């Protein structure tokens, strides 16, 4: 069942974080590709996806469900229709039901992680400053091999840059880039700590 209030809050959070961390307009990047946004809740207990905004045709939601369920905190796939063979052009944002409270200390780093995938997948160039390149390497070095295999250098550079901006502008309760990045990459995905440095 759709949750209009949650849908609105998630869209506003995505839009705000993409703007303040990366200087990119969320609605413009969707419209430029002719895409809708489909927001999916991940219910780990029921192992099913939930159409949070109520704009996914039931047959397409079944197609997504039939692909199999993987429990995770969040996810973003630009042009997800291409991977799924669905005719409607859409981007998919996924959020675990455990994070429906949208607590900024936990959820904002996860969203910045996922928005970095959006930027990577749409070939936006990372805006590197200070220690961003070195911190991107630190992110990748920390990841477990199976996770590292699906995360690229451009993604890590976007994430390092976004984390730096969030800390510099004091837009997060986190007090260091390292703390922010470790929230953005939960321990279950990492072999080690992320040895990121401030560098400005």
N, C-alpha and C. Protein backbone atom coordinates (compact mmCIF):
# COMPACT_ATOMS: atom_id res chain seq x y z
N UNK A 1 0.84 -1.19 0.00
CA UNK A 1 0.00 0.00 0.00
C UNK A 1 0.89 1.25 0.00
N UNK A 2 0.51 2.23 -0.81
CA UNK A 2 1.30 3.45 -0.92
C UNK A 2 1.26 4.24 0.39
N UNK A 3 2.34 4.95 0.64
CA UNK A 3 2.47 5.82 1.82
C UNK A 3 2.86 7.20 1.31
N UNK A 4 1.86 8.05 1.07
CA UNK A 4 2.10 9.34 0.43
C UNK A 4 3.05 10.23 1.23
N UNK A 5 2.90 10.24 2.54
CA UNK A 5 3.75 11.09 3.38
C UNK A 5 5.20 10.62 3.32
N UNK A 6 5.42 9.32 3.43
CA UNK A 6 6.78 8.78 3.36
C UNK A 6 7.37 9.01 1.98
N UNK A 7 6.56 8.82 0.95
CA UNK A 7 7.01 9.06 -0.42
C UNK A 7 7.51 10.49 -0.57
N UNK A 8 6.73 11.44 -0.09
CA UNK A 8 7.10 12.85 -0.19
C UNK A 8 8.38 13.13 0.58
N UNK A 9 8.51 12.57 1.77
CA UNK A 9 9.70 12.80 2.58
C UNK A 9 10.95 12.23 1.91
N UNK A 10 10.83 11.04 1.33
CA UNK A 10 11.98 10.41 0.66
C UNK A 10 12.39 11.22 -0.56
N UNK A 11 11.43 11.63 -1.36
CA UNK A 11 11.76 12.42 -2.56
C UNK A 11 12.43 13.73 -2.16
N UNK A 12 11.92 14.37 -1.12
CA UNK A 12 12.51 15.63 -0.67
C UNK A 12 13.93 15.41 -0.15
N UNK A 13 14.14 14.30 0.55
CA UNK A 13 15.48 14.02 1.09
C UNK A 13 16.46 13.74 -0.05
N UNK A 14 16.05 12.94 -1.02
CA UNK A 14 16.90 12.68 -2.18
C UNK A 14 17.26 13.98 -2.89
N UNK A 15 16.24 14.81 -3.12
CA UNK A 15 16.44 16.07 -3.84
C UNK A 15 17.38 17.00 -3.06
N UNK A 16 17.15 17.11 -1.77
CA UNK A 16 17.97 18.01 -0.96
C UNK A 16 19.42 17.55 -0.91
N UNK A 17 19.64 16.26 -0.67
CA UNK A 17 21.00 15.77 -0.52
C UNK A 17 21.77 15.81 -1.84
N UNK A 18 21.10 15.53 -2.96
CA UNK A 18 21.79 15.62 -4.24
C UNK A 18 22.18 17.07 -4.52
N UNK A 19 21.33 18.01 -4.12
CA UNK A 19 21.62 19.42 -4.34
C UNK A 19 22.74 19.93 -3.43
N UNK A 20 22.64 19.65 -2.12
CA UNK A 20 23.61 20.25 -1.20
C UNK A 20 24.96 19.55 -1.24
N UNK A 21 24.98 18.26 -1.50
CA UNK A 21 26.25 17.52 -1.49
C UNK A 21 26.95 17.54 -2.84
N UNK A 22 26.16 17.62 -3.92
CA UNK A 22 26.74 17.47 -5.26
C UNK A 22 26.40 18.60 -6.23
N UNK A 23 25.52 19.52 -5.81
CA UNK A 23 25.16 20.62 -6.69
C UNK A 23 24.37 20.20 -7.91
N UNK A 24 23.61 19.11 -7.80
CA UNK A 24 22.85 18.57 -8.93
C UNK A 24 21.36 18.58 -8.57
N UNK A 25 20.53 18.96 -9.56
CA UNK A 25 19.09 18.98 -9.35
C UNK A 25 18.50 17.60 -9.66
N UNK A 26 17.84 17.03 -8.69
CA UNK A 26 17.33 15.67 -8.82
C UNK A 26 16.26 15.54 -9.89
N UNK A 27 15.31 16.45 -9.87
CA UNK A 27 14.22 16.37 -10.85
C UNK A 27 14.74 16.56 -12.27
N UNK A 28 15.75 17.41 -12.43
CA UNK A 28 16.32 17.63 -13.75
C UNK A 28 17.00 16.38 -14.28
N UNK A 29 17.74 15.68 -13.41
CA UNK A 29 18.43 14.48 -13.88
C UNK A 29 17.45 13.37 -14.24
N UNK A 30 16.31 13.32 -13.57
CA UNK A 30 15.27 12.37 -13.97
C UNK A 30 14.65 12.79 -15.30
N UNK A 31 14.24 14.05 -15.39
CA UNK A 31 13.54 14.53 -16.58
C UNK A 31 14.42 14.47 -17.82
N UNK A 32 15.72 14.71 -17.65
CA UNK A 32 16.61 14.72 -18.82
C UNK A 32 16.70 13.35 -19.47
N UNK A 33 16.39 12.31 -18.69
CA UNK A 33 16.41 10.95 -19.23
C UNK A 33 15.00 10.41 -19.46
N UNK A 34 14.00 11.25 -19.20
CA UNK A 34 12.61 10.83 -19.38
C UNK A 34 12.17 9.78 -18.39
N UNK A 35 12.77 9.79 -17.20
CA UNK A 35 12.51 8.72 -16.24
C UNK A 35 11.58 9.14 -15.11
N UNK A 36 10.79 8.18 -14.62
CA UNK A 36 10.07 8.31 -13.37
C UNK A 36 10.99 7.86 -12.24
N UNK A 37 10.58 8.16 -11.00
CA UNK A 37 11.25 7.59 -9.84
C UNK A 37 10.31 6.58 -9.20
N UNK A 38 10.77 5.35 -9.07
CA UNK A 38 10.04 4.32 -8.34
C UNK A 38 10.74 4.10 -7.01
N UNK A 39 10.00 4.30 -5.92
CA UNK A 39 10.56 4.16 -4.57
C UNK A 39 10.04 2.85 -3.98
N UNK A 40 10.98 1.97 -3.69
CA UNK A 40 10.63 0.63 -3.20
C UNK A 40 11.08 0.45 -1.77
N UNK A 41 10.16 0.01 -0.93
CA UNK A 41 10.52 -0.39 0.42
C UNK A 41 10.96 -1.84 0.41
N UNK A 42 11.98 -2.15 1.21
CA UNK A 42 12.46 -3.53 1.33
C UNK A 42 12.02 -4.08 2.68
N UNK A 43 11.09 -4.99 2.64
CA UNK A 43 10.59 -5.63 3.86
C UNK A 43 11.34 -6.94 4.03
N UNK A 44 12.37 -6.93 4.89
CA UNK A 44 13.23 -8.10 5.04
C UNK A 44 12.48 -9.29 5.64
N UNK A 45 11.57 -9.01 6.54
CA UNK A 45 10.83 -10.09 7.19
C UNK A 45 9.96 -10.85 6.19
N UNK A 46 9.25 -10.11 5.35
CA UNK A 46 8.36 -10.73 4.36
C UNK A 46 9.10 -11.05 3.06
N UNK A 47 10.35 -10.57 2.94
CA UNK A 47 11.14 -10.74 1.71
C UNK A 47 10.35 -10.26 0.49
N UNK A 48 9.88 -9.03 0.58
CA UNK A 48 9.14 -8.48 -0.54
C UNK A 48 9.40 -6.98 -0.67
N UNK A 49 9.08 -6.46 -1.86
CA UNK A 49 9.22 -5.04 -2.14
C UNK A 49 7.86 -4.37 -1.98
N UNK A 50 7.90 -3.12 -1.51
CA UNK A 50 6.68 -2.34 -1.30
C UNK A 50 6.74 -1.10 -2.19
N UNK A 51 5.65 -0.83 -2.89
CA UNK A 51 5.55 0.35 -3.73
C UNK A 51 5.17 1.54 -2.85
N UNK A 52 6.17 2.28 -2.38
CA UNK A 52 5.92 3.34 -1.41
C UNK A 52 5.11 4.49 -1.99
N UNK A 53 5.37 4.87 -3.23
CA UNK A 53 4.69 6.02 -3.83
C UNK A 53 3.42 5.66 -4.60
N UNK A 54 3.18 4.39 -4.82
CA UNK A 54 1.96 3.96 -5.49
C UNK A 54 1.93 4.22 -6.98
N UNK A 55 3.11 4.33 -7.61
CA UNK A 55 3.13 4.63 -9.05
C UNK A 55 3.71 3.50 -9.89
N UNK A 56 3.87 2.31 -9.30
CA UNK A 56 4.43 1.19 -10.04
C UNK A 56 3.30 0.27 -10.49
N UNK A 57 3.16 0.03 -11.79
CA UNK A 57 2.13 -0.91 -12.25
C UNK A 57 2.31 -2.27 -11.59
N UNK A 58 1.22 -2.90 -11.15
CA UNK A 58 1.32 -4.18 -10.43
C UNK A 58 2.13 -5.24 -11.18
N UNK A 59 1.98 -5.31 -12.49
CA UNK A 59 2.72 -6.32 -13.26
C UNK A 59 4.22 -6.05 -13.20
N UNK A 60 4.60 -4.77 -13.19
CA UNK A 60 6.02 -4.42 -13.11
C UNK A 60 6.58 -4.68 -11.71
N UNK A 61 5.75 -4.42 -10.70
CA UNK A 61 6.18 -4.73 -9.33
C UNK A 61 6.41 -6.23 -9.19
N UNK A 62 5.55 -7.03 -9.81
CA UNK A 62 5.72 -8.49 -9.78
C UNK A 62 7.01 -8.89 -10.50
N UNK A 63 7.30 -8.23 -11.62
CA UNK A 63 8.55 -8.51 -12.33
C UNK A 63 9.75 -8.25 -11.43
N UNK A 64 9.71 -7.14 -10.70
CA UNK A 64 10.80 -6.81 -9.78
C UNK A 64 10.89 -7.86 -8.68
N UNK A 65 9.74 -8.22 -8.11
CA UNK A 65 9.73 -9.21 -7.04
C UNK A 65 10.24 -10.57 -7.53
N UNK A 66 9.89 -10.92 -8.75
CA UNK A 66 10.28 -12.22 -9.28
C UNK A 66 11.78 -12.32 -9.56
N UNK A 67 12.46 -11.19 -9.60
CA UNK A 67 13.92 -11.21 -9.80
C UNK A 67 14.65 -11.71 -8.56
N UNK A 68 13.95 -11.76 -7.44
CA UNK A 68 14.55 -12.24 -6.20
C UNK A 68 14.80 -11.10 -5.23
N UNK A 69 14.80 -11.42 -3.95
CA UNK A 69 14.92 -10.40 -2.89
C UNK A 69 16.29 -10.49 -2.24
N UNK A 70 16.94 -9.34 -2.12
CA UNK A 70 18.20 -9.24 -1.37
C UNK A 70 18.03 -8.19 -0.29
N UNK A 71 18.30 -8.57 0.93
CA UNK A 71 18.15 -7.65 2.05
C UNK A 71 19.34 -6.69 2.09
N UNK A 72 19.06 -5.41 2.12
CA UNK A 72 20.10 -4.40 2.21
C UNK A 72 19.50 -3.16 2.86
N UNK A 73 20.34 -2.17 3.16
CA UNK A 73 19.83 -0.94 3.78
C UNK A 73 19.17 -0.02 2.76
N UNK A 74 19.80 0.12 1.60
CA UNK A 74 19.29 1.04 0.59
C UNK A 74 19.92 0.68 -0.76
N UNK A 75 19.38 1.27 -1.82
CA UNK A 75 19.92 1.03 -3.15
C UNK A 75 19.44 2.09 -4.12
N UNK A 76 20.21 2.29 -5.18
CA UNK A 76 19.77 3.18 -6.26
C UNK A 76 20.27 2.59 -7.57
N UNK A 77 19.37 2.57 -8.57
CA UNK A 77 19.75 2.13 -9.90
C UNK A 77 19.16 3.12 -10.91
N UNK A 78 20.06 3.83 -11.60
CA UNK A 78 19.62 4.70 -12.68
C UNK A 78 19.22 3.83 -13.88
N UNK A 79 18.18 4.25 -14.57
CA UNK A 79 17.72 3.53 -15.76
C UNK A 79 17.50 2.04 -15.46
N UNK A 80 16.82 1.79 -14.33
CA UNK A 80 16.63 0.42 -13.88
C UNK A 80 15.81 -0.41 -14.86
N UNK A 81 14.98 0.25 -15.66
CA UNK A 81 14.15 -0.48 -16.63
C UNK A 81 14.99 -1.27 -17.63
N UNK A 82 16.18 -0.77 -17.93
CA UNK A 82 17.04 -1.46 -18.89
C UNK A 82 17.50 -2.82 -18.35
N UNK A 83 17.80 -2.85 -17.07
CA UNK A 83 18.25 -4.10 -16.45
C UNK A 83 17.11 -5.08 -16.27
N UNK A 84 15.91 -4.55 -16.03
CA UNK A 84 14.77 -5.40 -15.70
C UNK A 84 13.88 -5.73 -16.89
N UNK A 85 14.12 -5.09 -18.02
CA UNK A 85 13.29 -5.35 -19.19
C UNK A 85 11.88 -4.83 -19.05
N UNK A 86 11.75 -3.67 -18.38
CA UNK A 86 10.45 -3.04 -18.18
C UNK A 86 10.33 -1.86 -19.14
N UNK A 87 9.17 -1.67 -19.75
CA UNK A 87 9.03 -0.66 -20.81
C UNK A 87 9.04 0.77 -20.28
N UNK A 88 8.51 1.00 -19.09
CA UNK A 88 8.49 2.36 -18.53
C UNK A 88 9.88 2.77 -18.07
N UNK A 89 10.44 3.88 -18.57
CA UNK A 89 11.76 4.32 -18.11
C UNK A 89 11.68 4.80 -16.65
N UNK A 90 12.53 4.24 -15.80
CA UNK A 90 12.50 4.64 -14.39
C UNK A 90 13.86 4.45 -13.72
N UNK A 91 14.08 5.26 -12.70
CA UNK A 91 15.15 5.04 -11.73
C UNK A 91 14.51 4.40 -10.51
N UNK A 92 15.24 3.53 -9.84
CA UNK A 92 14.72 2.89 -8.63
C UNK A 92 15.53 3.29 -7.41
N UNK A 93 14.83 3.75 -6.38
CA UNK A 93 15.45 3.97 -5.07
C UNK A 93 14.84 2.99 -4.10
N UNK A 94 15.68 2.28 -3.37
CA UNK A 94 15.23 1.27 -2.42
C UNK A 94 15.62 1.69 -1.01
N UNK A 95 14.70 1.49 -0.07
CA UNK A 95 14.98 1.81 1.34
C UNK A 95 14.38 0.73 2.22
N UNK A 96 15.20 0.18 3.09
CA UNK A 96 14.74 -0.84 4.02
C UNK A 96 13.70 -0.27 4.97
N UNK A 97 12.69 -1.06 5.27
CA UNK A 97 11.64 -0.59 6.19
C UNK A 97 12.21 -0.21 7.55
N UNK A 98 13.37 -0.74 7.92
CA UNK A 98 14.00 -0.39 9.19
C UNK A 98 14.41 1.08 9.24
N UNK A 99 14.48 1.73 8.07
CA UNK A 99 14.94 3.11 8.00
C UNK A 99 13.83 4.09 7.61
N UNK A 100 12.59 3.68 7.75
CA UNK A 100 11.49 4.56 7.39
C UNK A 100 11.44 5.82 8.25
N UNK A 101 12.09 5.79 9.42
CA UNK A 101 12.12 7.00 10.26
C UNK A 101 13.02 8.09 9.67
N UNK A 102 13.84 7.72 8.68
CA UNK A 102 14.74 8.66 7.99
C UNK A 102 15.65 9.42 8.97
N UNK A 103 16.16 8.71 9.97
CA UNK A 103 17.05 9.34 10.95
C UNK A 103 18.32 9.79 10.22
N UNK A 104 18.61 11.09 10.30
CA UNK A 104 19.64 11.66 9.43
C UNK A 104 21.03 11.08 9.68
N UNK A 105 21.38 10.75 10.90
CA UNK A 105 22.72 10.23 11.17
C UNK A 105 22.95 8.89 10.47
N UNK A 106 21.90 8.08 10.40
CA UNK A 106 22.00 6.77 9.76
C UNK A 106 21.68 6.82 8.28
N UNK A 107 20.59 7.49 7.93
CA UNK A 107 20.06 7.40 6.58
C UNK A 107 20.76 8.33 5.59
N UNK A 108 21.12 9.53 6.00
CA UNK A 108 21.73 10.46 5.05
C UNK A 108 23.03 9.92 4.45
N UNK A 109 23.94 9.33 5.23
CA UNK A 109 25.12 8.74 4.60
C UNK A 109 24.77 7.62 3.62
N UNK A 110 23.76 6.81 3.95
CA UNK A 110 23.34 5.75 3.03
C UNK A 110 22.80 6.35 1.73
N UNK A 111 22.05 7.45 1.84
CA UNK A 111 21.51 8.09 0.64
C UNK A 111 22.63 8.70 -0.19
N UNK A 112 23.61 9.32 0.46
CA UNK A 112 24.75 9.88 -0.29
C UNK A 112 25.48 8.75 -1.02
N UNK A 113 25.64 7.61 -0.38
CA UNK A 113 26.21 6.42 -1.03
C UNK A 113 25.43 6.09 -2.30
N UNK A 114 24.10 6.06 -2.18
CA UNK A 114 23.28 5.66 -3.33
C UNK A 114 23.22 6.74 -4.40
N UNK A 115 23.20 8.00 -4.00
CA UNK A 115 23.24 9.07 -4.99
C UNK A 115 24.57 9.09 -5.74
N UNK A 116 25.62 8.61 -5.10
CA UNK A 116 26.90 8.47 -5.79
C UNK A 116 26.79 7.44 -6.92
N UNK A 117 25.97 6.41 -6.72
CA UNK A 117 25.69 5.46 -7.81
C UNK A 117 24.94 6.15 -8.95
N UNK A 118 23.96 6.99 -8.61
CA UNK A 118 23.23 7.73 -9.64
C UNK A 118 24.20 8.55 -10.49
N UNK A 119 25.10 9.28 -9.84
CA UNK A 119 26.05 10.12 -10.56
C UNK A 119 27.01 9.28 -11.39
N UNK A 120 27.47 8.19 -10.81
CA UNK A 120 28.37 7.27 -11.53
C UNK A 120 27.67 6.71 -12.76
N UNK A 121 26.44 6.24 -12.58
CA UNK A 121 25.72 5.56 -13.66
C UNK A 121 25.26 6.51 -14.76
N UNK A 122 25.21 7.81 -14.47
CA UNK A 122 24.85 8.81 -15.49
C UNK A 122 26.08 9.56 -15.99
N UNK A 123 27.25 9.02 -15.63
CA UNK A 123 28.54 9.52 -16.14
C UNK A 123 28.84 10.97 -15.77
N UNK A 124 28.36 11.40 -14.61
CA UNK A 124 28.72 12.73 -14.12
C UNK A 124 30.16 12.70 -13.60
N UNK A 125 30.97 13.71 -13.91
CA UNK A 125 32.36 13.71 -13.44
C UNK A 125 32.43 14.06 -11.95
N UNK A 126 33.22 13.32 -11.16
CA UNK A 126 33.37 13.66 -9.74
C UNK A 126 34.03 15.03 -9.58
N UNK A 127 33.56 15.79 -8.60
CA UNK A 127 34.13 17.12 -8.31
C UNK A 127 35.16 16.97 -7.19
N UNK A 128 36.37 16.57 -7.56
CA UNK A 128 37.39 16.23 -6.57
C UNK A 128 38.10 17.46 -6.04
N UNK A 129 38.24 17.49 -4.71
CA UNK A 129 39.01 18.53 -4.03
C UNK A 129 39.71 17.88 -2.84
N UNK A 130 40.62 18.66 -2.25
CA UNK A 130 41.28 18.22 -1.00
C UNK A 130 41.76 16.77 -1.10
N UNK A 131 41.36 15.93 -0.13
CA UNK A 131 41.80 14.53 -0.08
C UNK A 131 40.81 13.57 -0.72
N UNK A 132 39.92 14.06 -1.57
CA UNK A 132 38.85 13.21 -2.10
C UNK A 132 39.39 11.97 -2.80
N UNK A 133 40.39 12.12 -3.66
CA UNK A 133 40.91 10.97 -4.42
C UNK A 133 41.50 9.93 -3.48
N UNK A 134 42.27 10.39 -2.48
CA UNK A 134 42.87 9.46 -1.52
C UNK A 134 41.80 8.80 -0.67
N UNK A 135 40.78 9.56 -0.28
CA UNK A 135 39.70 8.99 0.53
C UNK A 135 38.86 8.00 -0.27
N UNK A 136 38.73 8.24 -1.56
CA UNK A 136 38.04 7.27 -2.42
C UNK A 136 38.80 5.95 -2.43
N UNK A 137 40.12 6.02 -2.51
CA UNK A 137 40.93 4.79 -2.47
C UNK A 137 40.75 4.09 -1.13
N UNK A 138 40.67 4.86 -0.05
CA UNK A 138 40.48 4.27 1.27
C UNK A 138 39.14 3.55 1.37
N UNK A 139 38.10 4.13 0.76
CA UNK A 139 36.79 3.47 0.74
C UNK A 139 36.91 2.11 0.06
N UNK A 140 37.47 2.11 -1.14
CA UNK A 140 37.55 0.87 -1.92
C UNK A 140 38.40 -0.19 -1.22
N UNK A 141 39.50 0.24 -0.60
CA UNK A 141 40.36 -0.72 0.11
C UNK A 141 39.67 -1.37 1.29
N UNK A 142 38.68 -0.69 1.87
CA UNK A 142 38.01 -1.21 3.06
C UNK A 142 36.97 -2.27 2.75
N UNK A 143 36.51 -2.32 1.51
CA UNK A 143 35.36 -3.16 1.16
C UNK A 143 35.72 -4.63 1.01
N UNK A 144 34.79 -5.49 1.36
CA UNK A 144 34.94 -6.91 1.09
C UNK A 144 35.00 -7.12 -0.42
N UNK A 145 35.65 -8.18 -0.85
CA UNK A 145 35.90 -8.38 -2.28
C UNK A 145 34.61 -8.41 -3.09
N UNK A 146 33.59 -9.11 -2.60
CA UNK A 146 32.35 -9.20 -3.38
C UNK A 146 31.66 -7.85 -3.51
N UNK A 147 31.84 -6.98 -2.51
CA UNK A 147 31.28 -5.63 -2.57
C UNK A 147 32.14 -4.75 -3.45
N UNK A 148 33.46 -4.88 -3.30
CA UNK A 148 34.38 -4.09 -4.13
C UNK A 148 34.16 -4.36 -5.61
N UNK A 149 33.83 -5.59 -5.95
CA UNK A 149 33.65 -5.96 -7.36
C UNK A 149 32.51 -5.21 -8.04
N UNK A 150 31.56 -4.68 -7.26
CA UNK A 150 30.43 -3.97 -7.86
C UNK A 150 30.46 -2.47 -7.53
N UNK A 151 31.60 -1.99 -7.05
CA UNK A 151 31.75 -0.56 -6.76
C UNK A 151 32.99 -0.04 -7.48
N UNK A 152 32.81 1.05 -8.20
CA UNK A 152 33.86 1.57 -9.06
C UNK A 152 34.60 2.75 -8.43
N UNK A 153 35.72 3.10 -9.04
CA UNK A 153 36.46 4.28 -8.59
C UNK A 153 35.65 5.56 -8.73
N UNK A 154 34.96 5.81 -9.86
CA UNK A 154 34.13 7.02 -9.93
C UNK A 154 33.07 7.08 -8.84
N UNK A 155 32.43 5.94 -8.54
CA UNK A 155 31.46 5.92 -7.43
C UNK A 155 32.12 6.35 -6.13
N UNK A 156 33.27 5.78 -5.82
CA UNK A 156 33.97 6.11 -4.58
C UNK A 156 34.39 7.57 -4.54
N UNK A 157 34.78 8.11 -5.68
CA UNK A 157 35.17 9.52 -5.74
C UNK A 157 33.98 10.43 -5.49
N UNK A 158 32.83 10.10 -6.07
CA UNK A 158 31.61 10.87 -5.78
C UNK A 158 31.28 10.80 -4.29
N UNK A 159 31.37 9.62 -3.71
CA UNK A 159 31.04 9.46 -2.30
C UNK A 159 32.00 10.24 -1.41
N UNK A 160 33.29 10.17 -1.70
CA UNK A 160 34.27 10.91 -0.91
C UNK A 160 34.02 12.41 -1.01
N UNK A 161 33.71 12.88 -2.21
CA UNK A 161 33.42 14.29 -2.40
C UNK A 161 32.16 14.71 -1.66
N UNK A 162 31.11 13.91 -1.77
CA UNK A 162 29.86 14.23 -1.08
C UNK A 162 30.02 14.24 0.43
N UNK A 163 30.78 13.29 0.95
CA UNK A 163 31.03 13.25 2.39
C UNK A 163 31.79 14.50 2.84
N UNK A 164 32.80 14.89 2.07
CA UNK A 164 33.57 16.09 2.42
C UNK A 164 32.65 17.31 2.49
N UNK A 165 31.80 17.48 1.49
CA UNK A 165 30.90 18.63 1.47
C UNK A 165 29.96 18.62 2.67
N UNK A 166 29.41 17.46 2.99
CA UNK A 166 28.50 17.37 4.13
C UNK A 166 29.19 17.76 5.44
N UNK A 167 30.46 17.35 5.59
CA UNK A 167 31.22 17.71 6.80
C UNK A 167 31.60 19.18 6.77
N UNK A 168 32.11 19.66 5.64
CA UNK A 168 32.53 21.06 5.53
C UNK A 168 31.37 22.01 5.83
N UNK A 169 30.19 21.70 5.31
CA UNK A 169 29.04 22.58 5.48
C UNK A 169 28.25 22.32 6.76
N UNK A 170 28.73 21.35 7.54
CA UNK A 170 28.06 20.99 8.80
C UNK A 170 26.59 20.63 8.56
N UNK A 171 26.37 19.78 7.57
CA UNK A 171 25.02 19.36 7.20
C UNK A 171 24.67 17.98 7.75
N UNK A 172 25.49 17.47 8.65
CA UNK A 172 25.31 16.13 9.20
C UNK A 172 25.72 16.11 10.66
N UNK A 173 25.12 15.23 11.47
CA UNK A 173 25.59 15.08 12.85
C UNK A 173 26.98 14.46 12.95
N UNK A 174 27.47 13.83 11.88
CA UNK A 174 28.80 13.23 11.92
C UNK A 174 29.85 14.33 12.00
N UNK A 175 30.93 14.06 12.74
CA UNK A 175 31.94 15.10 12.95
C UNK A 175 33.23 14.85 12.19
N UNK A 176 33.27 13.78 11.36
CA UNK A 176 34.47 13.51 10.57
C UNK A 176 34.07 12.81 9.28
N UNK A 177 34.91 12.96 8.27
CA UNK A 177 34.67 12.26 7.00
C UNK A 177 34.67 10.76 7.24
N UNK A 178 35.61 10.29 8.05
CA UNK A 178 35.69 8.86 8.32
C UNK A 178 34.39 8.33 8.92
N UNK A 179 33.85 9.03 9.91
CA UNK A 179 32.61 8.61 10.54
C UNK A 179 31.47 8.58 9.53
N UNK A 180 31.39 9.59 8.70
CA UNK A 180 30.33 9.67 7.69
C UNK A 180 30.46 8.51 6.71
N UNK A 181 31.68 8.28 6.22
CA UNK A 181 31.89 7.22 5.23
C UNK A 181 31.63 5.84 5.80
N UNK A 182 31.95 5.64 7.08
CA UNK A 182 31.69 4.33 7.69
C UNK A 182 30.20 4.11 7.91
N UNK A 183 29.44 5.19 8.09
CA UNK A 183 27.98 5.05 8.14
C UNK A 183 27.42 4.79 6.74
N UNK A 184 28.08 5.35 5.73
CA UNK A 184 27.64 5.17 4.35
C UNK A 184 27.95 3.78 3.82
N UNK A 185 28.95 3.13 4.42
CA UNK A 185 29.35 1.77 4.04
C UNK A 185 29.34 0.91 5.30
N UNK A 186 28.20 0.33 5.63
CA UNK A 186 28.06 -0.40 6.89
C UNK A 186 29.11 -1.50 7.05
N UNK A 187 29.37 -1.84 8.28
CA UNK A 187 30.44 -2.77 8.63
C UNK A 187 30.29 -4.10 7.89
N UNK A 188 29.06 -4.54 7.65
CA UNK A 188 28.88 -5.85 7.00
C UNK A 188 29.42 -5.86 5.57
N UNK A 189 29.66 -4.68 4.99
CA UNK A 189 30.22 -4.61 3.64
C UNK A 189 31.74 -4.41 3.65
N UNK A 190 32.33 -4.26 4.83
CA UNK A 190 33.74 -3.89 4.90
C UNK A 190 34.60 -4.94 5.58
N UNK A 191 35.86 -5.00 5.15
CA UNK A 191 36.87 -5.82 5.82
C UNK A 191 37.56 -5.05 6.92
N UNK A 192 37.56 -3.72 6.81
CA UNK A 192 38.34 -2.89 7.74
C UNK A 192 37.72 -1.52 7.88
N UNK A 193 38.31 -0.71 8.75
CA UNK A 193 37.90 0.67 8.89
C UNK A 193 38.24 1.45 7.62
N UNK A 194 37.58 2.59 7.42
CA UNK A 194 37.88 3.45 6.29
C UNK A 194 38.84 4.53 6.77
N UNK A 195 40.08 4.46 6.34
CA UNK A 195 41.11 5.37 6.86
C UNK A 195 41.13 6.67 6.06
N UNK A 196 40.00 7.36 6.10
CA UNK A 196 39.86 8.65 5.41
C UNK A 196 40.41 9.77 6.30
N UNK A 197 40.89 10.82 5.64
CA UNK A 197 41.46 11.97 6.35
C UNK A 197 40.80 13.25 5.89
N UNK A 198 40.85 14.26 6.76
CA UNK A 198 40.21 15.54 6.48
C UNK A 198 40.86 16.24 5.30
N UNK A 199 42.09 16.64 5.41
CA UNK A 199 42.86 17.14 4.28
C UNK A 199 42.53 18.54 3.78
N UNK A 200 41.95 19.39 4.61
CA UNK A 200 41.79 20.79 4.19
C UNK A 200 41.92 21.70 5.40
